[in-house]
Each structure stands twice: as C-alpha cells, then as structure tokens.
Amino acid sequence: MAAAQRTVIENCSIATVDADDTEYASGYLVLAGNRIEALGAGTAPEGLENVVRRIDATGHLATPGLINTHHHFYQWITRGLATDHNLFDWLVALYPVWARIDEPMAYAAAQGSLAMMARGGVTTAMDHHYVYPRGAGDLSGAIIRAARETGVRFTLARGSMDRGEKDGGLPPDFAVETLEDALAATEATVREHHDASPDAMTQVAVAPCSPFSVSTELMREAAESARRLGVRLHTHGSETVEEEKFCHELFGMGPTDYFESTGWLGEDVWMAHCVHMNDSDIAAFARTKTGVAHCPSSNARLAAGIARVPDMLAAGVPVGLGVDGTASNESGELHTELRNALLINRLGAHKEAALTARQALRLGTHGGARVLGRAAETGSLEAGKLADLVLWRMDTLAHSSIADPVTALVFGAAAPVTASFVNGRQIVEDGRLLTVDEDAIARTTRDQARRLARIAAQR
C-alpha cells in the first residue's frame, strides 16, 4: 500500500466496534486508498509516505459508518400523511398514492432519503423498493444512480408484489406485477447492477414485499432465484398482530413457520421489523442465522409494538438498525435510531437492562454489516477493512459535559458529523454533503411531492 494516498486522522476518541469492543481515549487512524491501513492509541507512526491530508480530530469520536438495513426511499415524497394510522390502515391510505410514482419521483425521493442519511453518518444504505407501476420507467436504475451520486455504499433490495386487490391484497392491481414479470425483472436487475466484489459500492438483493402482498409461489421462486444468482434475500416479517392473524387464516401457520416453508430462513436472509416473535420464532432465527432489521421509530409511529431485541441478541440472531420508509419515520435519520432503539427497548420486559449504549452502537454498525452480509469488509474499524467511518463532534454544548463519548453519542442529542468517509472518500464535511447539492434536492423533492399529490388527487 506504499503507493496509496494516505489520510491521517489523529487525536480523536475511537470506538472500533471490533469483536473485543476495543476503544482508544485518544488515537489515530491511517487511511490508505479505500482501506484502513492502521489505527491505535496515541499518534500515527512517523515516516508515512504519500500523506496527502492530516486531520486534527481533537474533540471528536471516530466510529464505523452507520449502516441502514431497511428503508423505502420513495416514501420521502409522501411524508407527513396518515399520521394517526396503524400499519394496515396506513397502507390502505397510501398505496393509491404510491401507485402513481414514476422515474423522476423515484429519483428525487432517493436523492432526499440518501442525502438525509449520509449527512447524519450513514455510509452504507439500502432501499427496499417494491412498487413498480406499469409504464413508470426505470425505477431501479434511478435509485441506483442517486446512490452513486451521493457516494454511499448501497444495496438495492429489488422488491415485488403480485397480490393485488382482486386477489385479496392491499395494493391496487395496476401497481403489482405478474409472478413471471416480477421474477424476470428482479433477475435482470441483479445481472445488470450487482457487484459481488469485496469493495462493491452497489449490490442487489431479492426482496418480495410481504406475505400479504405476495403469493406463495413468488416467495418460493424468489428464494430459489436468489440462491441461484448468489445474492441475499429480504422481506417484511412479523411486523403486526394483524399480519400474524392474516398468516394463520391464509396459510394455517404463523409468519416464521410460513417463511421456513417457503425457503425464507437462512444466513442469506434478513427481515424487517420482526416485532411479534415468540420464543420458538427467535430460536428458529437463531438456528438459521436469519437477520433482523430493527426499526424502532417506525414501529412506534405505526403502533406496531416493541421488538424483542435483547432476546434476539442473547439467542445469537443477527440484528441491525433500519430507518424504514419516511412515510413512517419522517426524519429519515439513522443516528436517531441508536437512541430510540435503546430507549424503546427499555420500555419492554428487560427494562433498564435491555440495551447499553455500546450495544446500540453495535446494532447500527457491525450488526448492520452482518445483516447485509458485509461484516468481513465493513461495520468496524480494523486494519484492512474498508475506510467507511465517521467523525462525530463531541465538544459542543450538546455533548461536552458527558465524559464518555459513546454514551454521549447514543444517549445525547444528535451529534454533528464533521467528516464522513466512504471507501476512503470524504462525502460529508461539517454537516454538509460534498457530493450533491442539498438545497437543490430539497427543491426537487418538494416539487415532486406536490406533483405526486396532484396526480393522486385526480384519480
């Protein structure tokens, strides 16, 4: 790595989130190209060649970049609607609106979602996009283009729905695909966009939406397709008591048993929410290493309940954090989920022993990397791993009187992001994105939200 350009960061606290939870009260990091070359206590080694930049990070905490494991970018342009609904009523209210999205809307909404996450410390994002109205354009391509422009590492979970209103589903019939079209379009997206290399910036997962909007045939054949193509699988699971009732009525079994019957448990699978899980469900996830995207703010917004995260972690279930769509989490910021995961879980059975600050940080970093199948490359600060990291400023009024920086980050107000690096490239400086124009995105997303509202009102 002698020829690689190096960036040296010094004088910061470091929470590595490695297997031993190694921390340094004052330490350094050396970035060489797109990798972390070295880190440790004290100052960086003398005599480093090709140092193009030195950062004095006094007053900062360095952590791995945050990793979002569940989102619906398109919802950025339908925020603030149906604010007093549970999940099913919320879906009924919004599906007719979402069914009118097109390529310019999807692109603008992806820009807004990505910008908000990136400026708040997210370095790896994902989008579960499953609404593909006929004639809407290249929605997947638009979303991936927005991620590349923002500069974040990205997984597109190419979703699908084939159970419309006429088949007992919630979405309008013109917004769902046929079984054959969904499978073919998903495979085409994988073949065109998925990068299987260790430092990939774009990956694709196979992601039918949910048991109540997808046929059993699509669930089963999608799982077979994903494994043939060598990519991961994602869907919603056990989000509400209504979903559990639906599964029992339609399939004669609960959600977890249904997922297992269709090939949807395994270490290549992760599911969003998993709020209503009994001991047997958690044991099945632990046995198969099926991952969970925990979305505490959305679960609260839609009154879905409190997921049993402490029990999942104790059993060995991989758990990461998710923003979820911004029609059910209007802020769209993952760093607030660190705090909400900790606080909401303390309202559950384990009370104050539910989660610690360091467990919450692990959920948002290494846990997310594990859920996305990328823990070998990112999610912790270790020599040889990808240079995806964040410098949080901890010496301002909001945090300076809290002695422990990890406690300050998780328990305190949202910390300012002084710098965020993805693949060794800085994408945020002093809370502003360096890669895209935030103000222009704000205008475009407002215009597209108004355009969608007008179109939906005419139908």
Protein backbone atom coordinates (compact mmCIF):
# COMPACT_ATOMS: atom_id res chain seq x y z
CA MET A 1 0.00 0.00 0.00
CA ALA A 2 3.09 2.22 -0.17
CA ALA A 3 1.85 3.93 -3.35
CA ALA A 4 -1.64 4.66 -2.00
CA GLN A 5 -2.52 8.18 -0.96
CA ARG A 6 -2.86 8.37 2.79
CA THR A 7 -5.09 10.38 5.10
CA VAL A 8 -4.03 10.55 8.76
CA ILE A 9 -6.61 11.27 11.46
CA GLU A 10 -5.28 11.96 14.96
CA ASN A 11 -6.27 13.00 18.50
CA CYS A 12 -9.77 11.50 18.49
CA SER A 13 -11.51 9.02 20.69
CA ILE A 14 -12.09 5.79 18.77
CA ALA A 15 -14.81 3.16 19.22
CA THR A 16 -13.73 0.38 16.86
CA VAL A 17 -16.77 -1.91 17.45
CA ASP A 18 -14.47 -4.85 16.74
CA ALA A 19 -15.01 -8.27 18.32
CA ASP A 20 -13.43 -7.07 21.57
CA ASP A 21 -15.09 -3.62 21.57
CA THR A 22 -11.63 -2.05 21.55
CA GLU A 23 -11.65 1.68 22.31
CA TYR A 24 -8.98 4.35 22.48
CA ALA A 25 -9.36 7.51 24.55
CA SER A 26 -7.01 9.29 22.15
CA GLY A 27 -5.84 7.60 19.00
CA TYR A 28 -5.20 7.73 15.28
CA LEU A 29 -6.35 6.19 12.02
CA VAL A 30 -4.41 5.91 8.77
CA LEU A 31 -6.48 5.56 5.61
CA ALA A 32 -4.66 4.28 2.52
CA GLY A 33 -6.71 4.33 -0.64
CA ASN A 34 -10.09 2.81 0.20
CA ARG A 35 -8.84 0.84 3.23
CA ILE A 36 -7.98 1.42 6.87
CA GLU A 37 -4.24 0.77 6.95
CA ALA A 38 -3.61 1.22 10.67
CA LEU A 39 -5.14 2.53 13.87
CA GLY A 40 -4.29 2.60 17.53
CA ALA A 41 -3.62 4.65 20.63
CA GLY A 42 -1.50 7.79 20.59
CA THR A 43 -0.19 9.40 17.42
CA ALA A 44 0.30 7.93 13.98
CA PRO A 45 3.63 6.30 13.08
CA GLU A 46 6.40 8.55 11.81
CA GLY A 47 7.69 8.38 8.25
CA LEU A 48 4.45 7.59 6.43
CA GLU A 49 4.77 8.25 2.71
CA ASN A 50 2.22 9.82 0.41
CA VAL A 51 0.29 11.57 3.19
CA VAL A 52 -1.99 13.98 1.35
CA ARG A 53 -4.01 15.10 4.33
CA ARG A 54 -3.76 15.27 8.13
CA ILE A 55 -6.86 15.84 10.26
CA ASP A 56 -6.59 17.02 13.85
CA ALA A 57 -9.74 15.41 15.27
CA THR A 58 -9.43 16.75 18.79
CA GLY A 59 -12.85 16.70 20.47
CA HIS A 60 -14.21 14.02 18.15
CA LEU A 61 -15.29 10.40 18.36
CA ALA A 62 -14.47 8.13 15.42
CA THR A 63 -16.81 5.20 14.78
CA PRO A 64 -17.55 2.91 11.88
CA GLY A 65 -20.03 4.47 9.49
CA LEU A 66 -23.66 3.74 10.26
CA ILE A 67 -25.35 1.01 8.22
CA ASN A 68 -29.04 1.21 7.35
CA THR A 69 -30.66 -2.20 6.84
CA HIS A 70 -34.24 -1.26 5.89
CA HIS A 71 -35.74 1.68 4.03
CA HIS A 72 -38.23 2.68 1.34
CA PHE A 73 -36.76 5.71 -0.40
CA TYR A 74 -39.85 6.53 -2.49
CA GLN A 75 -41.76 7.45 0.67
CA TRP A 76 -39.67 10.63 1.03
CA ILE A 77 -42.26 12.42 -1.11
CA THR A 78 -45.24 11.22 0.96
CA ARG A 79 -44.05 12.22 4.43
CA GLY A 80 -46.49 13.57 6.99
CA LEU A 81 -49.56 11.69 5.75
CA ALA A 82 -51.80 9.24 7.62
CA THR A 83 -50.08 10.16 10.86
CA ASP A 84 -52.65 8.52 13.16
CA HIS A 85 -52.95 5.10 11.49
CA ASN A 86 -51.82 1.58 12.28
CA LEU A 87 -49.92 -0.34 9.62
CA PHE A 88 -52.80 -1.81 7.64
CA ASP A 89 -54.88 1.40 7.66
CA TRP A 90 -51.75 3.38 6.75
CA LEU A 91 -51.09 1.09 3.79
CA VAL A 92 -54.69 1.32 2.61
CA ALA A 93 -54.48 5.12 2.77
CA LEU A 94 -51.15 5.42 0.96
CA TYR A 95 -50.99 2.61 -1.59
CA PRO A 96 -53.24 4.52 -4.05
CA VAL A 97 -50.77 7.43 -3.84
CA TRP A 98 -47.61 5.33 -4.07
CA ALA A 99 -49.04 3.50 -7.07
CA ARG A 100 -48.66 6.75 -9.09
CA ILE A 101 -44.89 7.13 -8.72
CA ASP A 102 -42.71 7.35 -11.80
CA GLU A 103 -39.00 7.57 -12.54
CA PRO A 104 -38.48 11.30 -11.80
CA MET A 105 -40.31 10.88 -8.48
CA ALA A 106 -38.34 7.78 -7.53
CA TYR A 107 -35.05 9.51 -8.37
CA ALA A 108 -35.87 12.65 -6.39
CA ALA A 109 -37.13 10.65 -3.40
CA ALA A 110 -33.97 8.53 -3.43
CA GLN A 111 -31.86 11.68 -3.51
CA GLY A 112 -33.69 13.09 -0.49
CA SER A 113 -33.55 9.85 1.50
CA LEU A 114 -29.87 9.27 0.76
CA ALA A 115 -28.84 12.85 1.45
CA MET A 116 -30.55 12.89 4.83
CA MET A 117 -28.94 9.63 5.89
CA ALA A 118 -25.48 10.44 4.56
CA ARG A 119 -25.25 13.83 6.27
CA GLY A 120 -26.15 12.03 9.52
CA GLY A 121 -23.36 9.45 9.40
CA VAL A 122 -24.71 6.65 7.20
CA THR A 123 -22.03 5.17 4.94
CA THR A 124 -23.94 2.05 3.79
CA ALA A 125 -27.59 2.37 2.81
CA MET A 126 -30.22 0.05 1.43
CA ASP A 127 -33.56 0.56 -0.24
CA HIS A 128 -36.39 -1.98 -0.34
CA HIS A 129 -38.25 -0.80 -3.42
CA TYR A 130 -41.28 -2.89 -4.34
CA VAL A 131 -43.73 -0.52 -6.10
CA TYR A 132 -43.33 -0.84 -9.87
CA PRO A 133 -46.41 0.65 -11.58
CA ARG A 134 -46.75 -0.16 -15.26
CA GLY A 135 -45.09 2.40 -17.51
CA ALA A 136 -43.31 4.15 -14.63
CA GLY A 137 -39.84 3.97 -16.19
CA ASP A 138 -36.56 2.57 -14.88
CA LEU A 139 -37.16 2.94 -11.15
CA SER A 140 -34.34 0.65 -10.03
CA GLY A 141 -31.85 2.40 -12.28
CA ALA A 142 -32.92 5.81 -10.98
CA ILE A 143 -32.46 4.74 -7.36
CA ILE A 144 -29.03 3.25 -8.01
CA ARG A 145 -27.98 6.38 -9.90
CA ALA A 146 -28.94 8.54 -6.90
CA ALA A 147 -26.88 6.34 -4.57
CA ARG A 148 -23.83 6.56 -6.82
CA GLU A 149 -24.10 10.34 -6.99
CA THR A 150 -24.41 10.62 -3.19
CA GLY A 151 -21.36 8.40 -2.73
CA VAL A 152 -22.69 5.88 -0.22
CA ARG A 153 -22.24 2.13 -0.35
CA PHE A 154 -25.61 0.74 -1.39
CA THR A 155 -27.80 -2.36 -1.55
CA LEU A 156 -30.94 -2.24 -3.65
CA ALA A 157 -33.42 -4.82 -2.38
CA ARG A 158 -35.40 -5.26 -5.61
CA GLY A 159 -38.90 -5.81 -4.28
CA SER A 160 -42.05 -7.08 -5.91
CA MET A 161 -45.77 -7.59 -5.33
CA ASP A 162 -48.10 -9.90 -7.25
CA ARG A 163 -51.09 -9.98 -4.86
CA GLY A 164 -53.30 -7.00 -5.75
CA GLU A 165 -56.76 -6.06 -4.56
CA LYS A 166 -58.54 -8.61 -6.74
CA ASP A 167 -56.52 -11.38 -5.05
CA GLY A 168 -57.13 -10.14 -1.51
CA GLY A 169 -54.03 -7.96 -1.27
CA LEU A 170 -53.76 -4.28 -0.33
CA PRO A 171 -52.07 -2.63 -3.33
CA PRO A 172 -54.07 -1.53 -6.40
CA ASP A 173 -53.97 -4.10 -9.18
CA PHE A 174 -52.18 -1.81 -11.64
CA ALA A 175 -49.31 -1.38 -9.17
CA VAL A 176 -48.45 -5.09 -8.90
CA GLU A 177 -46.53 -7.31 -11.31
CA THR A 178 -47.28 -10.80 -12.50
CA LEU A 179 -45.29 -13.62 -10.98
CA GLU A 180 -43.34 -14.09 -14.20
CA ASP A 181 -42.63 -10.38 -14.71
CA ALA A 182 -41.50 -9.89 -11.11
CA LEU A 183 -39.05 -12.80 -11.27
CA ALA A 184 -37.70 -11.77 -14.67
CA ALA A 185 -37.28 -8.10 -13.76
CA THR A 186 -35.59 -8.96 -10.47
CA GLU A 187 -33.11 -11.29 -12.15
CA ALA A 188 -32.38 -8.67 -14.81
CA THR A 189 -31.67 -6.10 -12.07
CA VAL A 190 -29.28 -8.47 -10.33
CA ARG A 191 -27.43 -9.26 -13.54
CA GLU A 192 -27.13 -5.60 -14.52
CA HIS A 193 -26.25 -3.98 -11.21
CA HIS A 194 -24.99 -6.47 -8.59
CA ASP A 195 -21.27 -6.31 -7.78
CA ALA A 196 -20.05 -9.31 -5.77
CA SER A 197 -16.55 -7.94 -5.13
CA PRO A 198 -15.41 -7.23 -1.53
CA ASP A 199 -15.30 -3.46 -2.01
CA ALA A 200 -18.54 -3.27 -4.01
CA MET A 201 -20.39 0.04 -3.94
CA THR A 202 -23.61 -1.43 -5.38
CA GLN A 203 -25.24 -4.74 -4.57
CA VAL A 204 -28.71 -6.15 -5.21
CA ALA A 205 -30.91 -8.41 -3.08
CA VAL A 206 -34.11 -10.26 -3.99
CA ALA A 207 -36.97 -8.84 -1.93
CA PRO A 208 -40.67 -9.72 -2.37
CA CYS A 209 -42.58 -7.25 -0.24
CA SER A 210 -44.52 -9.15 2.45
CA PRO A 211 -46.76 -12.19 2.98
CA PHE A 212 -49.92 -10.13 2.48
CA SER A 213 -48.88 -8.61 -0.87
CA VAL A 214 -47.01 -11.57 -2.40
CA SER A 215 -48.14 -15.02 -3.48
CA THR A 216 -46.61 -18.15 -2.00
CA GLU A 217 -45.32 -19.02 -5.46
CA LEU A 218 -43.44 -15.73 -5.72
CA MET A 219 -41.95 -16.16 -2.25
CA ARG A 220 -40.75 -19.66 -3.03
CA GLU A 221 -39.46 -18.98 -6.53
CA ALA A 222 -37.79 -15.73 -5.48
CA ALA A 223 -35.80 -17.59 -2.82
CA GLU A 224 -34.72 -20.18 -5.37
CA SER A 225 -33.73 -17.43 -7.82
CA ALA A 226 -31.71 -15.51 -5.22
CA ARG A 227 -29.70 -18.57 -4.28
CA ARG A 228 -29.09 -19.48 -7.90
CA LEU A 229 -27.84 -15.92 -8.51
CA GLY A 230 -25.80 -15.82 -5.29
CA VAL A 231 -27.47 -12.77 -3.70
CA ARG A 232 -29.23 -12.10 -0.42
CA LEU A 233 -32.96 -12.18 0.36
CA HIS A 234 -35.06 -9.57 2.16
CA THR A 235 -38.72 -9.07 3.11
CA HIS A 236 -41.01 -7.79 5.88
CA GLY A 237 -41.82 -10.21 8.67
CA SER A 238 -43.91 -10.39 11.85
CA GLU A 239 -44.49 -6.65 11.91
CA THR A 240 -48.00 -6.58 13.43
CA VAL A 241 -50.56 -8.78 15.15
CA GLU A 242 -52.77 -8.32 12.06
CA GLU A 243 -50.05 -9.91 9.92
CA GLU A 244 -49.86 -12.89 12.25
CA LYS A 245 -53.64 -13.30 12.06
CA PHE A 246 -53.50 -12.99 8.27
CA CYS A 247 -50.87 -15.74 8.02
CA HIS A 248 -52.84 -18.10 10.26
CA GLU A 249 -56.04 -17.51 8.27
CA LEU A 250 -54.47 -17.80 4.82
CA PHE A 251 -51.65 -20.31 5.37
CA GLY A 252 -52.67 -22.14 8.53
CA MET A 253 -49.45 -21.16 10.33
CA GLY A 254 -47.63 -18.18 11.82
CA PRO A 255 -45.22 -15.95 9.83
CA THR A 256 -41.99 -17.69 10.86
CA ASP A 257 -43.30 -21.17 10.03
CA TYR A 258 -44.61 -19.81 6.74
CA PHE A 259 -41.24 -18.27 5.90
CA GLU A 260 -39.48 -21.54 6.69
CA SER A 261 -41.94 -23.47 4.49
CA THR A 262 -41.09 -21.23 1.53
CA GLY A 263 -37.30 -21.33 1.97
CA TRP A 264 -37.10 -17.94 3.65
CA LEU A 265 -34.95 -18.70 6.69
CA GLY A 266 -31.17 -18.76 6.42
CA GLU A 267 -27.98 -16.77 6.91
CA ASP A 268 -28.53 -15.16 3.49
CA VAL A 269 -31.90 -13.74 4.63
CA TRP A 270 -32.82 -10.68 6.66
CA MET A 271 -36.30 -9.44 7.56
CA ALA A 272 -37.61 -6.07 8.57
CA HIS A 273 -39.32 -5.42 11.93
CA CYS A 274 -39.88 -8.88 13.50
CA VAL A 275 -41.90 -7.28 16.29
CA HIS A 276 -44.22 -10.17 17.15
CA MET A 277 -41.84 -13.08 17.66
CA ASN A 278 -42.36 -15.81 20.26
CA ASP A 279 -39.59 -17.94 21.77
CA SER A 280 -39.92 -20.53 19.03
CA ASP A 281 -39.64 -17.87 16.32
CA ILE A 282 -36.50 -16.39 17.87
CA ALA A 283 -34.98 -19.86 18.22
CA ALA A 284 -35.65 -20.53 14.52
CA PHE A 285 -33.97 -17.27 13.51
CA ALA A 286 -31.00 -18.03 15.76
CA ARG A 287 -30.66 -21.59 14.46
CA THR A 288 -30.69 -20.44 10.84
CA LYS A 289 -28.81 -17.14 11.41
CA THR A 290 -31.66 -15.22 9.76
CA GLY A 291 -31.10 -11.49 10.26
CA VAL A 292 -33.40 -8.75 11.54
CA ALA A 293 -33.65 -5.08 10.61
CA HIS A 294 -34.91 -3.38 13.78
CA CYS A 295 -36.85 -0.16 13.04
CA PRO A 296 -37.78 1.32 16.43
CA SER A 297 -39.12 4.70 15.30
CA SER A 298 -41.34 3.26 12.58
CA ASN A 299 -42.59 0.54 14.93
CA ALA A 300 -43.63 3.27 17.37
CA ARG A 301 -45.07 5.57 14.66
CA LEU A 302 -47.37 2.78 13.42
CA ALA A 303 -48.05 1.40 16.92
CA ALA A 304 -46.71 -2.00 15.83
CA GLY A 305 -45.13 -2.84 19.18
CA ILE A 306 -41.71 -3.39 20.75
CA ALA A 307 -39.46 -5.95 19.11
CA ARG A 308 -37.70 -8.37 21.46
CA VAL A 309 -34.21 -7.20 20.51
CA PRO A 310 -32.48 -8.16 23.80
CA ASP A 311 -33.83 -11.70 23.48
CA MET A 312 -32.77 -11.90 19.83
CA LEU A 313 -29.25 -10.77 20.67
CA ALA A 314 -29.00 -13.20 23.57
CA ALA A 315 -30.04 -16.03 21.25
CA GLY A 316 -27.46 -15.05 18.62
CA VAL A 317 -29.80 -13.56 16.00
CA PRO A 318 -28.01 -11.02 13.74
CA VAL A 319 -29.70 -7.62 14.29
CA GLY A 320 -29.12 -4.28 12.58
CA LEU A 321 -30.99 -0.97 12.55
CA GLY A 322 -33.31 0.46 9.92
CA VAL A 323 -34.87 3.86 9.28
CA ASP A 324 -37.81 2.31 7.41
CA GLY A 325 -39.69 4.41 4.89
CA THR A 326 -40.01 8.08 5.72
CA ALA A 327 -43.79 7.96 5.50
CA SER A 328 -43.48 6.16 8.85
CA ASN A 329 -40.31 7.88 10.09
CA GLU A 330 -40.41 11.42 8.85
CA SER A 331 -36.87 12.34 9.95
CA GLY A 332 -35.19 9.67 7.84
CA GLU A 333 -32.05 9.73 10.02
CA LEU A 334 -30.41 6.54 11.24
CA HIS A 335 -28.33 8.09 14.03
CA THR A 336 -31.54 8.89 15.92
CA GLU A 337 -32.33 5.15 15.79
CA LEU A 338 -29.36 4.42 18.06
CA ARG A 339 -31.07 6.38 20.83
CA ASN A 340 -34.57 5.18 20.03
CA ALA A 341 -33.51 1.53 19.93
CA LEU A 342 -32.04 1.86 23.40
CA LEU A 343 -34.91 3.84 24.92
CA ILE A 344 -37.83 1.94 23.38
CA ASN A 345 -36.37 -1.43 24.29
CA ARG A 346 -36.09 -0.25 27.90
CA LEU A 347 -39.88 0.05 27.89
CA GLY A 348 -40.06 -3.70 27.32
CA ALA A 349 -39.66 -6.66 29.63
CA HIS A 350 -35.94 -6.16 30.27
CA LYS A 351 -36.38 -2.54 31.37
CA GLU A 352 -33.10 -0.74 32.13
CA ALA A 353 -31.07 -3.88 31.35
CA ALA A 354 -32.42 -4.13 27.78
CA LEU A 355 -29.60 -2.45 25.86
CA THR A 356 -26.45 -0.47 26.64
CA ALA A 357 -25.03 2.44 24.66
CA ARG A 358 -22.37 0.19 23.16
CA GLN A 359 -24.90 -2.44 22.15
CA ALA A 360 -26.93 0.25 20.41
CA LEU A 361 -23.83 1.46 18.54
CA ARG A 362 -23.05 -2.13 17.55
CA LEU A 363 -26.57 -2.56 16.16
CA GLY A 364 -26.07 0.48 13.94
CA THR A 365 -22.62 -0.55 12.66
CA HIS A 366 -21.30 -4.11 12.91
CA GLY A 367 -24.82 -5.53 13.35
CA GLY A 368 -25.95 -3.88 10.15
CA ALA A 369 -22.89 -5.11 8.26
CA ARG A 370 -23.58 -8.64 9.43
CA VAL A 371 -27.25 -8.43 8.38
CA LEU A 372 -26.23 -7.21 4.90
CA GLY A 373 -23.56 -9.91 4.58
CA ARG A 374 -20.71 -7.41 4.62
CA ALA A 375 -19.15 -7.82 8.07
CA ALA A 376 -15.87 -9.03 6.59
CA GLU A 377 -15.35 -5.68 4.88
CA THR A 378 -17.11 -3.01 6.93
CA GLY A 379 -19.01 -2.33 10.17
CA SER A 380 -15.94 -2.00 12.42
CA LEU A 381 -12.70 -0.02 12.43
CA GLU A 382 -9.94 -2.55 11.83
CA ALA A 383 -6.77 -2.61 9.73
CA GLY A 384 -7.57 -3.97 6.29
CA LYS A 385 -11.26 -3.11 6.36
CA LEU A 386 -12.90 -0.61 4.06
CA ALA A 387 -12.42 3.04 5.01
CA ASP A 388 -16.06 3.74 5.93
CA LEU A 389 -16.03 5.87 9.08
CA VAL A 390 -17.48 8.95 10.75
CA LEU A 391 -16.01 11.69 12.92
CA TRP A 392 -18.65 12.93 15.36
CA ARG A 393 -18.00 16.26 17.07
CA MET A 394 -18.43 15.77 20.81
CA ASP A 395 -17.05 19.04 22.28
CA THR A 396 -20.04 21.30 21.62
CA LEU A 397 -22.71 22.39 24.07
CA ALA A 398 -24.79 19.29 23.27
CA HIS A 399 -22.20 16.76 24.48
CA SER A 400 -19.15 18.35 26.11
CA SER A 401 -20.18 17.64 29.72
CA ILE A 402 -20.70 13.89 29.11
CA ALA A 403 -17.39 12.19 29.91
CA ASP A 404 -17.90 9.01 27.91
CA PRO A 405 -18.15 9.79 24.16
CA VAL A 406 -20.09 6.62 23.26
CA THR A 407 -22.67 7.41 25.94
CA ALA A 408 -22.80 10.97 24.63
CA LEU A 409 -23.36 9.76 21.06
CA VAL A 410 -26.18 7.33 21.91
CA PHE A 411 -27.93 8.96 24.87
CA GLY A 412 -27.37 12.58 23.83
CA ALA A 413 -28.72 14.82 21.11
CA ALA A 414 -27.88 14.01 17.50
CA ALA A 415 -24.14 14.70 17.24
CA PRO A 416 -22.76 16.88 14.44
CA VAL A 417 -20.88 14.99 11.71
CA THR A 418 -17.62 16.76 10.98
CA ALA A 419 -16.47 14.21 8.43
CA SER A 420 -17.82 11.03 6.88
CA PHE A 421 -15.71 8.78 4.65
CA VAL A 422 -16.98 6.07 2.30
CA ASN A 423 -14.45 3.87 0.52
CA GLY A 424 -11.79 6.35 1.62
CA ARG A 425 -13.58 9.31 0.01
CA GLN A 426 -14.92 12.11 2.17
CA ILE A 427 -18.60 12.75 1.42
CA VAL A 428 -19.57 15.00 4.38
CA GLU A 429 -17.76 17.98 5.86
CA ASP A 430 -19.10 19.95 8.81
CA GLY A 431 -22.58 18.51 8.39
CA ARG A 432 -22.87 19.30 4.68
CA LEU A 433 -22.70 16.89 1.77
CA LEU A 434 -19.76 17.32 -0.57
CA THR A 435 -21.16 15.17 -3.36
CA VAL A 436 -24.60 16.64 -4.08
CA ASP A 437 -26.42 19.95 -3.65
CA GLU A 438 -28.71 19.60 -0.61
CA ASP A 439 -30.65 22.76 -1.37
CA ALA A 440 -31.35 21.69 -4.93
CA ILE A 441 -32.51 18.28 -3.67
CA ALA A 442 -34.84 19.98 -1.18
CA ARG A 443 -36.45 21.95 -4.01
CA THR A 444 -36.74 18.94 -6.31
CA THR A 445 -38.24 16.67 -3.68
CA ARG A 446 -40.79 19.34 -2.75
CA ASP A 447 -41.76 19.75 -6.39
CA GLN A 448 -42.09 16.00 -6.95
CA ALA A 449 -44.12 15.58 -3.75
CA ARG A 450 -46.56 18.24 -4.96
CA ARG A 451 -46.67 16.66 -8.41
CA LEU A 452 -47.48 13.25 -6.95
CA ALA A 453 -50.19 14.75 -4.73
CA ARG A 454 -51.81 16.41 -7.76
CA ILE A 455 -51.73 13.22 -9.82
CA ALA A 456 -53.12 11.10 -6.96
CA ALA A 457 -55.93 13.61 -6.35
CA GLN A 458 -57.06 13.36 -9.99
CA ARG A 459 -57.60 9.59 -9.86
